[in-house]
Structure formats: C-alpha cells, structure tokens
C-alpha cells in the first residue's frame, strides 16, 4: 500500500512538472510573434511618416545579416496610374536605422520591356508592361 501511495505521488509530481513545462513553452511562442508584429508595425508606421506620398507601404522580406535583422520595405507611388514608381527602403533592426541614406529607386520610368527578353518581377512592372509592351495598344487606348 505504501509503495502505491509513493508511486501515486510521484505520478502527480511528474504530471505537475510536465504541465508547468507545457505552459511555459506555450507562453513563449505568442510572445515572440507579438514582438515581431510590434517591430513590423513600428517600421511600417515610420515609413508612412517619412514617405507620406506613397500609396503602398509594406514589408517585402526580413533577412538576418550579422547580428541585425534587415527589413526590406516597399514604397509604391502612383499605383493606380499607368506609370507607378517603386522604391525600396532598408531598415536595420535593432539599430532601427536605414542602411542606405535614401530610398533605392527600383522602378522610376514608364519604359519597360524594350528588349525581347522581359522578366516581370514586380506588380508595378506588370502595370507598366500592360500598356507598353507589344500587343497592349488596346489597353493603352482604353486607359488613356
């Protein structure tokens, strides 16, 4: 009988420890996600304040470089026009600064796909290509 009681208390003790471990581990995951979301929101808000004319401000990707995380932010101007412009801004976290001093211009003119081999990498390029590449005259006539 005594061995059964000792075994029962050991089982309860192990169950208690296991429950504590599960609670501790499950509480860590949302905290990490929340921290990432707070970082992303802070960067988006900063970019919106600095580049107020941008129609679209969003995070393209986050990569790890050395001890910092580098956040690539997309800025799109004149998105609803036939000639949108796209810039990239790089934020470095934890320092919270831009890597380049000014935004990098990715798409700045309406000339796209002049040569025969074209690769559309961004949706802004697709908008420009839809009115500039061969065969798109009807689209251009409709838009203009």
N, C-alpha and C. Protein backbone atom coordinates (compact mmCIF):
# COMPACT_ATOMS: atom_id res chain seq x y z
N UNK A 1 0.81 -1.19 0.00
CA UNK A 1 0.00 0.00 0.00
C UNK A 1 0.86 1.26 0.00
N UNK A 2 1.93 1.22 0.80
CA UNK A 2 2.82 2.36 0.89
C UNK A 2 3.49 2.62 -0.45
N UNK A 3 3.90 1.58 -1.16
CA UNK A 3 4.52 1.73 -2.48
C UNK A 3 3.54 2.34 -3.48
N UNK A 4 2.26 1.98 -3.36
CA UNK A 4 1.26 2.55 -4.26
C UNK A 4 1.11 4.05 -4.01
N UNK A 5 1.11 4.46 -2.74
CA UNK A 5 0.99 5.88 -2.41
C UNK A 5 2.20 6.67 -2.92
N UNK A 6 3.38 6.11 -2.75
CA UNK A 6 4.60 6.78 -3.23
C UNK A 6 4.55 6.88 -4.76
N UNK A 7 4.15 5.83 -5.42
CA UNK A 7 4.03 5.84 -6.88
C UNK A 7 2.99 6.86 -7.34
N UNK A 8 1.88 6.94 -6.59
CA UNK A 8 0.83 7.90 -6.94
C UNK A 8 1.34 9.34 -6.81
N UNK A 9 2.05 9.64 -5.73
CA UNK A 9 2.59 10.99 -5.54
C UNK A 9 3.66 11.32 -6.57
N UNK A 10 4.46 10.33 -6.95
CA UNK A 10 5.47 10.55 -8.00
C UNK A 10 4.77 10.86 -9.32
N UNK A 11 3.71 10.13 -9.63
CA UNK A 11 2.95 10.37 -10.86
C UNK A 11 2.34 11.77 -10.86
N UNK A 12 1.78 12.19 -9.73
CA UNK A 12 1.20 13.53 -9.63
C UNK A 12 2.30 14.59 -9.77
N UNK A 13 3.45 14.37 -9.16
CA UNK A 13 4.56 15.31 -9.23
C UNK A 13 5.06 15.44 -10.68
N UNK A 14 5.23 14.32 -11.37
CA UNK A 14 5.68 14.34 -12.77
C UNK A 14 4.65 15.04 -13.65
N UNK A 15 3.36 14.77 -13.40
CA UNK A 15 2.30 15.43 -14.17
C UNK A 15 2.32 16.94 -13.94
N UNK A 16 2.55 17.34 -12.71
CA UNK A 16 2.62 18.76 -12.38
C UNK A 16 3.78 19.43 -13.09
N UNK A 17 4.95 18.81 -13.07
CA UNK A 17 6.14 19.34 -13.75
C UNK A 17 5.90 19.41 -15.26
N UNK A 18 5.31 18.37 -15.82
CA UNK A 18 5.02 18.35 -17.26
C UNK A 18 4.05 19.48 -17.62
N UNK A 19 3.04 19.71 -16.81
CA UNK A 19 2.07 20.78 -17.07
C UNK A 19 2.75 22.14 -17.01
N UNK A 20 3.65 22.33 -16.04
CA UNK A 20 4.39 23.59 -15.95
C UNK A 20 5.27 23.82 -17.19
N UNK A 21 5.92 22.78 -17.65
CA UNK A 21 6.77 22.89 -18.84
C UNK A 21 5.93 23.24 -20.07
N UNK A 22 4.80 22.59 -20.21
CA UNK A 22 3.91 22.87 -21.36
C UNK A 22 3.41 24.31 -21.31
N UNK A 23 3.00 24.77 -20.15
CA UNK A 23 2.52 26.15 -20.01
C UNK A 23 3.65 27.14 -20.32
N UNK A 24 4.84 26.87 -19.81
CA UNK A 24 5.98 27.76 -20.05
C UNK A 24 6.33 27.83 -21.53
N UNK A 25 6.39 26.70 -22.19
CA UNK A 25 6.75 26.67 -23.62
C UNK A 25 5.66 27.30 -24.48
N UNK A 26 4.42 27.06 -24.15
CA UNK A 26 3.34 27.62 -24.97
C UNK A 26 3.22 29.13 -24.79
N UNK A 27 3.63 29.64 -23.65
CA UNK A 27 3.55 31.09 -23.43
C UNK A 27 4.67 31.83 -24.16
N UNK A 28 5.74 31.17 -24.52
CA UNK A 28 6.85 31.80 -25.22
C UNK A 28 6.53 32.08 -26.69
N UNK A 29 5.83 31.21 -27.37
CA UNK A 29 5.58 31.37 -28.81
C UNK A 29 4.77 32.62 -29.13
N UNK A 30 3.66 32.88 -28.47
CA UNK A 30 2.92 34.11 -28.79
C UNK A 30 3.72 35.37 -28.49
N UNK A 31 4.57 35.34 -27.48
CA UNK A 31 5.39 36.49 -27.13
C UNK A 31 6.34 36.83 -28.27
N UNK A 32 6.97 35.81 -28.87
CA UNK A 32 7.88 36.03 -29.98
C UNK A 32 7.11 36.59 -31.18
N UNK A 33 5.95 36.03 -31.49
CA UNK A 33 5.14 36.52 -32.61
C UNK A 33 4.71 37.95 -32.35
N UNK A 34 4.31 38.26 -31.13
CA UNK A 34 3.89 39.60 -30.79
C UNK A 34 5.04 40.58 -30.97
N UNK A 35 6.25 40.20 -30.55
CA UNK A 35 7.42 41.06 -30.69
C UNK A 35 7.70 41.34 -32.17
N UNK A 36 7.61 40.33 -33.03
CA UNK A 36 7.82 40.51 -34.46
C UNK A 36 6.76 41.43 -35.04
N UNK A 37 5.51 41.25 -34.63
CA UNK A 37 4.43 42.08 -35.13
C UNK A 37 4.61 43.53 -34.70
N UNK A 38 5.06 43.76 -33.47
CA UNK A 38 5.30 45.12 -32.98
C UNK A 38 6.41 45.77 -33.80
N UNK A 39 7.48 45.02 -34.09
CA UNK A 39 8.58 45.52 -34.91
C UNK A 39 8.08 45.90 -36.30
N UNK A 40 7.33 45.01 -36.93
CA UNK A 40 6.82 45.27 -38.28
C UNK A 40 5.90 46.49 -38.29
N UNK A 41 5.03 46.60 -37.31
CA UNK A 41 4.12 47.75 -37.23
C UNK A 41 4.90 49.05 -37.04
N UNK A 42 5.93 49.03 -36.22
CA UNK A 42 6.73 50.23 -35.97
C UNK A 42 7.45 50.67 -37.24
N UNK A 43 7.97 49.73 -37.99
CA UNK A 43 8.67 50.06 -39.23
C UNK A 43 7.69 50.61 -40.27
N UNK A 44 6.53 49.99 -40.41
CA UNK A 44 5.52 50.47 -41.35
C UNK A 44 5.09 51.89 -40.99
N UNK A 45 4.84 52.13 -39.71
CA UNK A 45 4.41 53.47 -39.28
C UNK A 45 5.50 54.50 -39.54
N UNK A 46 6.76 54.14 -39.28
CA UNK A 46 7.87 55.06 -39.54
C UNK A 46 7.97 55.38 -41.03
N UNK A 47 7.85 54.37 -41.87
CA UNK A 47 7.94 54.58 -43.32
C UNK A 47 6.77 55.43 -43.82
N UNK A 48 5.59 55.23 -43.27
CA UNK A 48 4.43 56.03 -43.68
C UNK A 48 4.63 57.51 -43.32
N UNK A 49 5.26 57.76 -42.16
CA UNK A 49 5.51 59.15 -41.75
C UNK A 49 6.60 59.80 -42.61
N UNK A 50 7.64 59.05 -42.91
CA UNK A 50 8.75 59.60 -43.69
C UNK A 50 8.41 59.78 -45.17
N UNK A 51 7.62 58.89 -45.71
CA UNK A 51 7.31 58.90 -47.14
C UNK A 51 5.79 59.02 -47.31
N UNK A 52 5.28 60.17 -46.99
CA UNK A 52 3.83 60.37 -46.92
C UNK A 52 3.12 60.26 -48.26
N UNK A 53 3.80 60.45 -49.36
CA UNK A 53 3.15 60.38 -50.65
C UNK A 53 2.97 58.98 -51.20
N UNK A 54 3.49 57.98 -50.52
CA UNK A 54 3.43 56.60 -51.02
C UNK A 54 2.02 56.04 -50.90
N UNK A 55 1.56 55.41 -51.99
CA UNK A 55 0.25 54.76 -51.98
C UNK A 55 0.29 53.43 -51.23
N UNK A 56 1.40 52.71 -51.37
CA UNK A 56 1.56 51.41 -50.73
C UNK A 56 2.85 51.42 -49.92
N UNK A 57 2.75 51.02 -48.69
CA UNK A 57 3.91 50.85 -47.81
C UNK A 57 3.75 49.49 -47.16
N UNK A 58 4.64 48.55 -47.50
CA UNK A 58 4.56 47.24 -46.86
C UNK A 58 5.93 46.59 -46.80
N UNK A 59 6.02 45.56 -45.97
CA UNK A 59 7.27 44.84 -45.78
C UNK A 59 7.34 43.72 -46.81
N UNK A 60 8.46 43.70 -47.55
CA UNK A 60 8.66 42.68 -48.56
C UNK A 60 9.29 41.44 -47.94
N UNK A 61 10.37 41.63 -47.19
CA UNK A 61 11.01 40.49 -46.54
C UNK A 61 11.89 40.96 -45.40
N UNK A 62 12.18 40.02 -44.52
CA UNK A 62 13.07 40.27 -43.38
C UNK A 62 14.17 39.22 -43.45
N UNK A 63 15.42 39.68 -43.47
CA UNK A 63 16.56 38.76 -43.52
C UNK A 63 17.50 39.06 -42.37
N UNK A 64 18.28 38.08 -42.00
CA UNK A 64 19.25 38.21 -40.91
C UNK A 64 20.62 38.51 -41.52
N UNK A 65 21.26 39.57 -41.05
CA UNK A 65 22.60 39.92 -41.51
C UNK A 65 23.42 40.27 -40.28
N UNK A 66 24.47 39.50 -40.04
CA UNK A 66 25.28 39.65 -38.84
C UNK A 66 24.39 39.51 -37.61
N UNK A 67 24.38 40.50 -36.75
CA UNK A 67 23.54 40.42 -35.55
C UNK A 67 22.24 41.19 -35.72
N UNK A 68 22.05 41.81 -36.88
CA UNK A 68 20.85 42.61 -37.13
C UNK A 68 19.90 41.89 -38.06
N UNK A 69 18.66 42.30 -37.99
CA UNK A 69 17.68 41.88 -38.98
C UNK A 69 17.49 43.04 -39.93
N UNK A 70 17.52 42.75 -41.23
CA UNK A 70 17.33 43.78 -42.24
C UNK A 70 15.94 43.62 -42.81
N UNK A 71 15.18 44.70 -42.76
CA UNK A 71 13.79 44.69 -43.19
C UNK A 71 13.69 45.50 -44.49
N UNK A 72 13.22 44.84 -45.56
CA UNK A 72 13.05 45.49 -46.85
C UNK A 72 11.61 46.00 -46.94
N UNK A 73 11.46 47.32 -47.09
CA UNK A 73 10.14 47.94 -47.16
C UNK A 73 9.90 48.45 -48.58
N UNK A 74 8.73 48.16 -49.09
CA UNK A 74 8.33 48.59 -50.43
C UNK A 74 7.50 49.88 -50.33
N UNK A 75 7.87 50.85 -51.15
CA UNK A 75 7.11 52.09 -51.28
C UNK A 75 6.65 52.19 -52.72
N UNK A 76 5.36 52.32 -52.95
CA UNK A 76 4.85 52.47 -54.31
C UNK A 76 4.11 53.79 -54.40
N UNK A 77 4.49 54.57 -55.42
CA UNK A 77 3.86 55.85 -55.70
C UNK A 77 3.06 55.73 -57.00
N UNK A 78 1.96 56.47 -57.09
CA UNK A 78 1.11 56.50 -58.29
C UNK A 78 0.67 55.10 -58.70
N UNK A 79 0.28 54.30 -57.74
CA UNK A 79 -0.04 52.90 -58.01
C UNK A 79 -1.22 52.74 -58.97
N UNK A 80 -2.19 53.60 -58.90
CA UNK A 80 -3.37 53.44 -59.75
C UNK A 80 -3.17 54.06 -61.14
N UNK A 81 -2.00 54.62 -61.40
CA UNK A 81 -1.73 55.19 -62.72
C UNK A 81 -1.11 54.12 -63.63
N UNK A 82 -0.88 54.49 -64.88
CA UNK A 82 -0.23 53.55 -65.80
C UNK A 82 1.29 53.63 -65.66
N UNK A 83 1.75 54.49 -64.78
CA UNK A 83 3.20 54.65 -64.59
C UNK A 83 3.55 54.69 -63.11
N UNK A 84 3.36 53.60 -62.38
CA UNK A 84 3.70 53.60 -60.95
C UNK A 84 5.21 53.59 -60.75
N UNK A 85 5.62 54.06 -59.59
CA UNK A 85 7.04 54.07 -59.22
C UNK A 85 7.20 53.24 -57.96
N UNK A 86 8.30 52.50 -57.92
CA UNK A 86 8.57 51.64 -56.76
C UNK A 86 9.94 51.95 -56.21
N UNK A 87 10.00 52.10 -54.88
CA UNK A 87 11.25 52.32 -54.19
C UNK A 87 11.38 51.27 -53.09
N UNK A 88 12.61 50.96 -52.73
CA UNK A 88 12.87 50.07 -51.59
C UNK A 88 13.63 50.85 -50.53
N UNK A 89 13.24 50.64 -49.29
CA UNK A 89 13.94 51.23 -48.16
C UNK A 89 14.35 50.09 -47.24
N UNK A 90 15.59 50.13 -46.78
CA UNK A 90 16.10 49.08 -45.91
C UNK A 90 16.22 49.61 -44.49
N UNK A 91 15.56 48.91 -43.57
CA UNK A 91 15.68 49.22 -42.15
C UNK A 91 16.56 48.15 -41.51
N UNK A 92 17.34 48.57 -40.54
CA UNK A 92 18.18 47.64 -39.80
C UNK A 92 17.68 47.58 -38.37
N UNK A 93 17.42 46.39 -37.89
CA UNK A 93 16.95 46.21 -36.52
C UNK A 93 17.97 45.37 -35.78
N UNK A 94 18.45 45.66 -34.63
CA UNK A 94 17.87 46.52 -33.61
C UNK A 94 18.26 47.99 -33.69
N UNK A 95 19.16 48.40 -34.58
CA UNK A 95 19.56 49.80 -34.58
C UNK A 95 18.44 50.72 -35.03
N UNK A 96 17.48 50.21 -35.83
CA UNK A 96 16.32 51.00 -36.20
C UNK A 96 16.60 52.08 -37.21
N UNK A 97 17.69 51.96 -37.96
CA UNK A 97 18.03 52.98 -38.95
C UNK A 97 17.96 52.41 -40.35
N UNK A 98 17.95 53.31 -41.32
CA UNK A 98 18.06 52.89 -42.70
C UNK A 98 19.48 52.42 -42.95
N UNK A 99 19.65 51.43 -43.81
CA UNK A 99 21.01 51.11 -44.26
C UNK A 99 21.46 52.15 -45.28
N UNK A 100 20.71 52.39 -46.38
CA UNK A 100 21.08 53.50 -47.24
C UNK A 100 20.47 54.79 -46.69
N UNK A 101 21.04 55.90 -47.06
CA UNK A 101 20.54 57.20 -46.58
C UNK A 101 19.17 57.51 -47.19
N UNK A 102 18.99 57.17 -48.46
CA UNK A 102 17.74 57.47 -49.16
C UNK A 102 17.16 56.20 -49.76
N UNK A 103 15.89 56.22 -50.13
CA UNK A 103 15.29 55.02 -50.75
C UNK A 103 15.98 54.65 -52.06
N UNK A 104 16.02 53.38 -52.34
CA UNK A 104 16.59 52.87 -53.58
C UNK A 104 15.47 52.86 -54.62
N UNK A 105 15.71 53.50 -55.75
CA UNK A 105 14.71 53.54 -56.81
C UNK A 105 14.75 52.23 -57.57
N UNK A 106 13.66 51.53 -57.62
CA UNK A 106 13.58 50.25 -58.31
C UNK A 106 12.93 50.43 -59.68
N UNK A 107 11.79 51.10 -59.71
CA UNK A 107 11.08 51.38 -60.96
C UNK A 107 10.76 52.87 -60.95
N UNK A 108 11.32 53.61 -61.91
CA UNK A 108 11.11 55.05 -61.89
C UNK A 108 10.60 55.62 -63.20
N UNK A 109 10.56 54.85 -64.26
CA UNK A 109 10.05 55.41 -65.51
C UNK A 109 9.05 54.45 -66.12
N UNK A 110 8.40 54.91 -67.13
CA UNK A 110 7.34 54.10 -67.75
C UNK A 110 7.87 53.19 -68.85
N UNK A 111 9.14 53.23 -69.12
CA UNK A 111 9.71 52.37 -70.16
C UNK A 111 10.00 51.00 -69.55
N UNK A 112 9.30 50.01 -70.03
CA UNK A 112 9.54 48.66 -69.54
C UNK A 112 9.51 47.71 -70.71
N UNK A 113 10.40 46.78 -70.70
CA UNK A 113 10.39 45.68 -71.65
C UNK A 113 10.68 46.16 -73.08
N UNK A 114 11.76 46.92 -73.25
CA UNK A 114 12.13 47.37 -74.59
C UNK A 114 12.78 46.27 -75.41
N UNK A 115 13.54 45.40 -74.77
CA UNK A 115 14.16 44.29 -75.49
C UNK A 115 13.22 43.09 -75.52
N UNK A 116 13.62 42.08 -76.26
CA UNK A 116 12.73 40.93 -76.46
C UNK A 116 12.59 40.05 -75.22
N UNK A 117 13.62 39.99 -74.38
CA UNK A 117 13.52 39.13 -73.19
C UNK A 117 13.16 39.99 -71.99
N UNK A 118 11.97 39.81 -71.50
CA UNK A 118 11.47 40.60 -70.38
C UNK A 118 11.14 39.69 -69.21
N UNK A 119 11.44 40.17 -68.04
CA UNK A 119 11.10 39.44 -66.83
C UNK A 119 10.37 40.40 -65.91
N UNK A 120 9.12 40.13 -65.64
CA UNK A 120 8.33 40.98 -64.76
C UNK A 120 8.49 40.46 -63.34
N UNK A 121 9.15 41.28 -62.51
CA UNK A 121 9.42 40.86 -61.15
C UNK A 121 8.45 41.48 -60.14
N UNK A 122 7.91 42.64 -60.48
CA UNK A 122 7.06 43.36 -59.54
C UNK A 122 5.72 43.68 -60.20
N UNK A 123 4.70 43.85 -59.37
CA UNK A 123 3.39 44.16 -59.94
C UNK A 123 3.38 45.53 -60.60
N UNK A 124 4.22 46.45 -60.14
CA UNK A 124 4.32 47.75 -60.80
C UNK A 124 4.83 47.59 -62.23
N UNK A 125 5.76 46.66 -62.44
CA UNK A 125 6.25 46.38 -63.80
C UNK A 125 5.13 45.79 -64.65
N UNK A 126 4.29 44.97 -64.06
CA UNK A 126 3.18 44.38 -64.80
C UNK A 126 2.20 45.46 -65.25
N UNK A 127 1.97 46.46 -64.40
CA UNK A 127 1.09 47.56 -64.77
C UNK A 127 1.68 48.33 -65.95
N UNK A 128 2.97 48.64 -65.86
CA UNK A 128 3.63 49.37 -66.94
C UNK A 128 3.64 48.53 -68.21
N UNK A 129 3.96 47.26 -68.09
CA UNK A 129 4.02 46.38 -69.25
C UNK A 129 2.66 46.23 -69.91
N UNK A 130 1.60 46.29 -69.13
CA UNK A 130 0.26 46.09 -69.70
C UNK A 130 -0.11 47.20 -70.68
N UNK A 131 0.54 48.34 -70.60
CA UNK A 131 0.25 49.43 -71.54
C UNK A 131 1.41 49.76 -72.46
N UNK A 132 2.57 49.13 -72.24
CA UNK A 132 3.75 49.48 -73.04
C UNK A 132 4.26 48.37 -73.95
N UNK A 133 4.01 47.11 -73.63
CA UNK A 133 4.59 46.06 -74.46
C UNK A 133 3.77 45.85 -75.72
N UNK A 134 4.39 45.21 -76.68
CA UNK A 134 3.74 44.97 -77.97
C UNK A 134 2.43 44.18 -77.76
N UNK A 135 1.38 44.65 -78.41
CA UNK A 135 0.09 43.99 -78.29
C UNK A 135 -0.82 44.62 -77.25
N UNK A 136 -0.31 45.62 -76.54
CA UNK A 136 -1.11 46.23 -75.48
C UNK A 136 -1.74 47.55 -75.92
N UNK A 137 -1.76 47.83 -77.21
CA UNK A 137 -2.27 49.10 -77.69
C UNK A 137 -3.73 49.32 -77.28
N UNK A 138 -4.53 48.28 -77.34
CA UNK A 138 -5.95 48.42 -76.98
C UNK A 138 -6.11 48.78 -75.50
N UNK A 139 -5.25 48.23 -74.67
CA UNK A 139 -5.29 48.59 -73.25
C UNK A 139 -4.93 50.04 -73.08
N UNK A 140 -3.86 50.47 -73.75
CA UNK A 140 -3.45 51.86 -73.68
C UNK A 140 -4.52 52.80 -74.17
N UNK A 141 -5.19 52.45 -75.28
CA UNK A 141 -6.27 53.29 -75.80
C UNK A 141 -7.43 53.37 -74.81
N UNK A 142 -7.73 52.27 -74.15
CA UNK A 142 -8.82 52.24 -73.18
C UNK A 142 -8.50 53.09 -71.95
N UNK A 143 -7.27 52.98 -71.44
CA UNK A 143 -6.87 53.68 -70.23
C UNK A 143 -6.76 55.17 -70.50
N UNK A 144 -6.17 55.52 -71.62
CA UNK A 144 -5.93 56.94 -71.94
C UNK A 144 -7.13 57.49 -72.60
